[in-house]
Amino acid sequence: MKETTVYRSIEELPLVLNIEILMAVLNIGRNSAYELVRSGQIRSFRIGTQIRIPRQAVADFLANIAA
């Protein structure tokens, strides 16, 4: 069984997230997470083939959709 980390605030998130953490934080599926990144709604960068999302990009996204 896979252990799930519970984040209670943005400050508890790692500085840089991967898609799996983004999925857990936003409670969305893999396709939705990749679509948010692909569309530019959530800023990201690549290191080789891996996608990384800055913690601040998630905070910015949440602030924009709440406004």
Protein backbone atom coordinates (compact mmCIF):
# COMPACT_ATOMS: atom_id res chain seq x y z
CA MET A 1 0.00 0.00 0.00
CA LYS A 2 1.33 3.42 -0.99
CA GLU A 3 1.78 5.92 1.83
CA THR A 4 0.14 9.30 1.23
CA THR A 5 1.56 12.51 2.67
CA VAL A 6 -1.02 15.04 3.81
CA TYR A 7 -0.17 18.70 3.22
CA ARG A 8 -2.07 21.20 5.34
CA SER A 9 -0.71 24.38 3.76
CA ILE A 10 1.25 25.61 0.76
CA GLU A 11 4.30 26.10 3.00
CA GLU A 12 4.38 22.36 3.79
CA LEU A 13 4.71 21.43 0.11
CA PRO A 14 8.13 20.62 -1.28
CA LEU A 15 9.82 23.55 -3.03
CA VAL A 16 9.43 21.68 -6.33
CA LEU A 17 6.59 19.24 -7.04
CA ASN A 18 6.24 16.43 -9.54
CA ILE A 19 3.01 15.44 -11.30
CA GLU A 20 2.10 12.89 -8.63
CA ILE A 21 2.28 15.47 -5.85
CA LEU A 22 0.32 17.96 -7.95
CA MET A 23 -2.36 15.32 -8.44
CA ALA A 24 -2.60 14.72 -4.69
CA VAL A 25 -2.61 18.41 -3.75
CA LEU A 26 -5.34 19.34 -6.22
CA ASN A 27 -7.16 16.01 -5.88
CA ILE A 28 -7.21 15.56 -9.66
CA GLY A 29 -6.30 12.79 -12.05
CA ARG A 30 -3.16 12.37 -14.10
CA ASN A 31 -4.72 13.62 -17.35
CA SER A 32 -6.01 16.78 -15.67
CA ALA A 33 -2.63 17.45 -14.07
CA TYR A 34 -0.82 17.10 -17.39
CA GLU A 35 -3.41 19.33 -19.09
CA LEU A 36 -2.90 22.10 -16.54
CA VAL A 37 0.84 21.95 -17.19
CA ARG A 38 0.53 21.63 -20.98
CA SER A 39 -1.90 24.55 -21.24
CA GLY A 40 0.35 26.80 -19.14
CA GLN A 41 -2.27 27.28 -16.43
CA ILE A 42 0.36 26.00 -14.01
CA ARG A 43 3.95 27.03 -14.72
CA SER A 44 6.43 24.20 -14.97
CA PHE A 45 9.85 23.29 -16.27
CA ARG A 46 11.55 20.15 -17.49
CA ILE A 47 14.66 18.45 -16.25
CA GLY A 48 15.33 15.91 -18.95
CA THR A 49 12.02 14.12 -19.40
CA GLN A 50 10.71 14.96 -15.93
CA ILE A 51 8.23 17.77 -15.33
CA ARG A 52 8.72 19.87 -12.22
CA ILE A 53 6.31 22.45 -10.83
CA PRO A 54 7.47 25.20 -8.47
CA ARG A 55 5.46 25.42 -5.26
CA GLN A 56 4.78 29.09 -6.02
CA ALA A 57 3.21 28.13 -9.38
CA VAL A 58 0.61 26.06 -7.52
CA ALA A 59 -0.05 28.95 -5.11
CA ASP A 60 -0.43 31.34 -8.07
CA PHE A 61 -2.82 28.97 -9.84
CA LEU A 62 -5.00 28.60 -6.74
CA ALA A 63 -5.03 32.39 -6.21
CA ASN A 64 -6.08 32.96 -9.83
CA ILE A 65 -8.94 30.49 -9.81
CA ALA A 66 -10.19 31.79 -6.45
CA ALA A 67 -10.25 35.41 -7.68
